[in-house]
């Protein structure tokens, strides 16, 4: 499986211009390393929108889906740093998905990412998954490296808020991830490739957009520093 592990945490958000520099510094100097250090977390990737909303996107891979409901992760969520709390409190339009990677085909990670957001039907989710499986093969598509399917868990996909009843509009959505080397190629694939599979299964296409990779961090990168 090209994506490390079988669990995925996805977060996306906008941030006001007045706090954007600090937000990026927090992400780059504290948050990603803090999360990747958690037991069971394997790697994290940061993206910025090319043609998508919200503007910023983070993907965190875990060894298994259960890691995302583990004592180690719940402890981290309950003990945010002061810097984290300040930045999280400024998030706008946040989407948070705790998901299973149920299909993953291809090898490697691309500098461009396509994100297709789908609302599955109330029934026939197996039909949607199988319809998408047929399309999630990069094969010899030029500039496309890998494709994956994320299926959100409604129970765990909650916003980062003190309000236990706060709604998350992405709580049960699925996401197709398209790793590529070129944003235009990714956009071309997204434009029509999944329409029939989504429609035939009675699902709804919510949105699609492209992002570029800012940087990634793997567990191995956190080893002892050698100057």
Protein backbone atom coordinates (compact mmCIF):
# COMPACT_ATOMS: atom_id res chain seq x y z
CA UNK A 1 0.00 0.00 0.00
CA UNK A 2 1.66 3.27 -1.08
CA UNK A 3 0.23 5.37 1.72
CA UNK A 4 1.99 4.37 4.90
CA UNK A 5 -0.44 2.61 7.22
CA UNK A 6 -4.20 2.28 7.01
CA UNK A 7 -5.40 5.24 9.08
CA UNK A 8 -5.55 8.87 8.01
CA UNK A 9 -6.31 12.13 9.79
CA UNK A 10 -7.17 14.98 7.44
CA UNK A 11 -7.52 18.58 8.57
CA UNK A 12 -8.12 21.64 6.42
CA UNK A 13 -8.72 25.23 7.37
CA UNK A 14 -8.44 28.89 6.48
CA UNK A 15 -6.62 31.42 8.62
CA UNK A 16 -6.89 35.19 8.74
CA UNK A 17 -4.13 37.18 7.05
CA UNK A 18 -3.14 38.84 10.33
CA UNK A 19 -2.20 35.48 11.85
CA UNK A 20 -1.11 33.52 8.77
CA UNK A 21 2.64 33.89 9.31
CA UNK A 22 2.41 32.69 12.89
CA UNK A 23 0.08 29.86 11.85
CA UNK A 24 2.62 28.56 9.34
CA UNK A 25 5.47 28.91 11.80
CA UNK A 26 3.51 26.96 14.42
CA UNK A 27 2.72 24.21 11.95
CA UNK A 28 6.29 23.99 10.69
CA UNK A 29 8.14 24.35 13.98
CA UNK A 30 5.88 22.57 16.46
CA UNK A 31 2.68 20.93 15.32
CA UNK A 32 3.77 18.47 12.64
CA UNK A 33 6.67 17.11 14.69
CA UNK A 34 4.48 16.89 17.78
CA UNK A 35 1.89 14.80 15.95
CA UNK A 36 4.33 12.54 14.09
CA UNK A 37 6.02 11.74 17.42
CA UNK A 38 2.81 10.15 18.77
CA UNK A 39 2.93 6.35 18.96
CA UNK A 40 1.43 4.89 15.79
CA UNK A 41 1.73 8.05 13.70
CA UNK A 42 3.99 7.49 10.70
CA UNK A 43 4.18 10.68 8.66
CA UNK A 44 2.52 14.02 7.97
CA UNK A 45 2.18 16.18 4.88
CA UNK A 46 1.28 19.88 4.56
CA UNK A 47 -0.37 21.39 1.48
CA UNK A 48 -1.50 24.80 0.28
CA UNK A 49 -4.28 25.32 -2.22
CA UNK A 50 -3.67 25.81 -5.92
CA UNK A 51 -7.38 25.86 -6.72
CA UNK A 52 -9.24 24.63 -3.65
CA UNK A 53 -10.84 25.63 -0.38
CA UNK A 54 -10.03 25.72 2.48
CA UNK A 55 -6.53 27.08 1.79
CA UNK A 56 -4.47 24.74 3.98
CA UNK A 57 -4.56 20.95 4.16
CA UNK A 58 -2.79 18.46 6.42
CA UNK A 59 -2.62 14.68 6.06
CA UNK A 60 -1.40 12.46 8.90
CA UNK A 61 -0.83 8.75 8.24
CA UNK A 62 -1.12 6.20 11.05
CA UNK A 63 -0.11 2.56 11.22
CA UNK A 64 -3.71 1.48 11.83
CA UNK A 65 -7.04 3.23 12.08
CA UNK A 66 -7.21 2.42 15.81
CA UNK A 67 -4.25 4.74 16.46
CA UNK A 68 -6.64 7.64 15.86
CA UNK A 69 -8.68 6.59 18.91
CA UNK A 70 -5.73 5.46 21.02
CA UNK A 71 -4.83 6.66 24.53
CA UNK A 72 -1.68 8.27 23.14
CA UNK A 73 -3.58 10.36 20.61
CA UNK A 74 -6.39 11.25 23.01
CA UNK A 75 -3.78 12.37 25.55
CA UNK A 76 -2.17 14.62 22.93
CA UNK A 77 -5.55 16.17 22.07
CA UNK A 78 -6.29 16.81 25.73
CA UNK A 79 -2.91 18.44 26.37
CA UNK A 80 -2.45 20.99 23.60
CA UNK A 81 0.33 23.53 24.06
CA UNK A 82 -0.54 27.18 24.59
CA UNK A 83 0.74 27.92 21.07
CA UNK A 84 -1.50 25.20 19.66
CA UNK A 85 -4.57 26.46 21.49
CA UNK A 86 -3.97 29.98 20.22
CA UNK A 87 -3.68 28.88 16.60
CA UNK A 88 -6.50 26.34 16.70
CA UNK A 89 -8.75 29.05 18.10
CA UNK A 90 -8.17 31.08 14.94
CA UNK A 91 -9.11 28.34 12.44
CA UNK A 92 -11.85 29.21 9.98
CA UNK A 93 -13.91 26.85 7.80
CA UNK A 94 -12.25 23.82 9.36
CA UNK A 95 -12.89 20.30 8.13
CA UNK A 96 -11.59 17.34 10.13
CA UNK A 97 -11.80 13.73 9.01
CA UNK A 98 -10.63 10.66 10.93
CA UNK A 99 -10.64 8.01 8.27
CA UNK A 100 -9.74 4.57 7.03
CA UNK A 101 -7.71 4.15 3.86
CA UNK A 102 -9.76 1.48 2.12
CA UNK A 103 -8.20 1.64 -1.36
CA UNK A 104 -4.65 2.69 -2.21
CA UNK A 105 -3.06 2.11 -5.61
CA UNK A 106 0.19 3.32 -7.08
CA UNK A 107 3.62 4.06 -5.61
CA UNK A 108 4.97 7.23 -4.03
CA UNK A 109 3.80 10.74 -3.30
CA UNK A 110 3.46 13.59 -5.75
CA UNK A 111 4.07 17.32 -5.44
CA UNK A 112 0.48 17.92 -6.56
CA UNK A 113 -2.60 16.55 -4.81
CA UNK A 114 -6.18 16.32 -5.98
CA UNK A 115 -8.91 16.09 -3.36
CA UNK A 116 -12.42 14.95 -4.32
CA UNK A 117 -15.01 15.20 -1.54
CA UNK A 118 -17.97 12.83 -1.80
CA UNK A 119 -21.09 12.40 0.32
CA UNK A 120 -21.85 8.67 0.28
CA UNK A 121 -25.45 7.48 0.01
CA UNK A 122 -27.35 6.40 3.11
CA UNK A 123 -27.18 2.86 1.74
CA UNK A 124 -25.07 1.08 -0.87
CA UNK A 125 -21.72 2.30 0.40
CA UNK A 126 -20.24 -0.99 -0.76
CA UNK A 127 -21.49 -0.19 -4.25
CA UNK A 128 -19.82 3.22 -4.17
CA UNK A 129 -16.54 1.76 -2.95
CA UNK A 130 -16.47 -0.85 -5.70
CA UNK A 131 -17.43 1.68 -8.37
CA UNK A 132 -14.57 3.93 -7.26
CA UNK A 133 -12.13 1.02 -7.04
CA UNK A 134 -12.32 0.58 -10.79
CA UNK A 135 -11.25 4.21 -11.30
CA UNK A 136 -8.54 4.39 -8.62
CA UNK A 137 -5.77 2.94 -10.75
CA UNK A 138 -3.14 5.39 -11.99
CA UNK A 139 -1.98 2.86 -14.57
CA UNK A 140 -0.08 4.80 -17.20
CA UNK A 141 -1.95 8.10 -16.78
CA UNK A 142 0.65 10.77 -17.47
CA UNK A 143 1.81 12.68 -14.35
CA UNK A 144 -0.40 10.65 -11.97
CA UNK A 145 1.48 8.70 -9.30
CA UNK A 146 -1.11 7.13 -7.00
CA UNK A 147 -4.78 7.28 -5.99
CA UNK A 148 -6.44 6.53 -2.66
CA UNK A 149 -9.84 6.41 -0.97
CA UNK A 150 -10.43 7.78 2.55
CA UNK A 151 -13.65 6.84 4.34
CA UNK A 152 -14.42 9.09 7.32
CA UNK A 153 -15.59 7.68 10.62
CA UNK A 154 -18.56 9.80 11.80
CA UNK A 155 -17.97 9.04 15.48
CA UNK A 156 -14.36 10.22 15.53
CA UNK A 157 -14.52 12.96 12.91
CA UNK A 158 -15.30 15.75 15.34
CA UNK A 159 -14.09 19.35 15.23
CA UNK A 160 -11.44 20.51 17.69
CA UNK A 161 -13.78 22.34 20.05
CA UNK A 162 -14.87 22.25 23.67
CA UNK A 163 -18.48 21.87 22.52
CA UNK A 164 -19.24 18.10 22.32
CA UNK A 165 -22.33 18.83 20.22
CA UNK A 166 -20.51 20.92 17.61
CA UNK A 167 -21.21 19.71 14.10
CA UNK A 168 -18.59 18.74 11.57
CA UNK A 169 -19.87 18.98 7.99
CA UNK A 170 -17.27 16.43 6.88
CA UNK A 171 -18.06 13.80 9.53
CA UNK A 172 -19.27 11.10 7.14
CA UNK A 173 -17.77 12.20 3.84
CA UNK A 174 -15.35 10.22 1.73
CA UNK A 175 -12.33 11.65 -0.05
CA UNK A 176 -10.47 10.56 -3.16
CA UNK A 177 -6.80 11.56 -3.04
CA UNK A 178 -4.85 11.84 -6.29
CA UNK A 179 -1.07 12.13 -6.04
CA UNK A 180 0.54 13.60 -9.14
CA UNK A 181 3.55 15.50 -10.40
CA UNK A 182 1.55 18.26 -12.09
CA UNK A 183 -1.50 20.17 -10.81
CA UNK A 184 -3.03 20.53 -14.28
CA UNK A 185 -2.82 16.77 -14.86
CA UNK A 186 -4.47 16.15 -11.50
CA UNK A 187 -7.26 18.61 -12.37
CA UNK A 188 -7.86 16.88 -15.67
CA UNK A 189 -8.26 13.50 -13.99
CA UNK A 190 -10.61 14.93 -11.36
CA UNK A 191 -12.79 16.71 -13.90
CA UNK A 192 -14.65 13.64 -15.21
CA UNK A 193 -13.09 10.40 -14.02
CA UNK A 194 -15.27 9.78 -10.97
CA UNK A 195 -18.57 11.34 -12.05
CA UNK A 196 -20.24 8.16 -13.30
CA UNK A 197 -19.15 6.06 -10.31
CA UNK A 198 -20.49 8.68 -7.89
CA UNK A 199 -23.79 9.13 -9.73
CA UNK A 200 -24.44 5.41 -10.29
CA UNK A 201 -24.03 4.71 -6.56
CA UNK A 202 -26.44 7.48 -5.58
CA UNK A 203 -23.67 9.51 -3.96
CA UNK A 204 -23.10 13.26 -4.23
CA UNK A 205 -20.00 15.08 -5.43
CA UNK A 206 -19.47 17.93 -2.96
CA UNK A 207 -16.26 19.53 -4.21
CA UNK A 208 -12.90 18.96 -5.82
CA UNK A 209 -9.68 20.95 -5.74
CA UNK A 210 -5.93 20.86 -6.19
CA UNK A 211 -3.15 21.47 -3.68
CA UNK A 212 0.63 21.64 -3.84
CA UNK A 213 2.89 19.96 -1.30
CA UNK A 214 4.62 22.33 1.11
CA UNK A 215 6.63 19.68 2.95
CA UNK A 216 6.39 16.30 4.64
CA UNK A 217 7.75 14.76 7.81
CA UNK A 218 8.28 11.07 8.53
CA UNK A 219 8.85 9.35 11.87
CA UNK A 220 12.42 8.58 10.82
CA UNK A 221 13.10 12.31 10.45
CA UNK A 222 12.65 12.73 14.21
CA UNK A 223 15.74 10.67 15.04
CA UNK A 224 18.79 12.08 16.86
CA UNK A 225 20.29 15.10 15.10
CA UNK A 226 23.83 14.78 13.79
CA UNK A 227 25.58 18.10 13.04
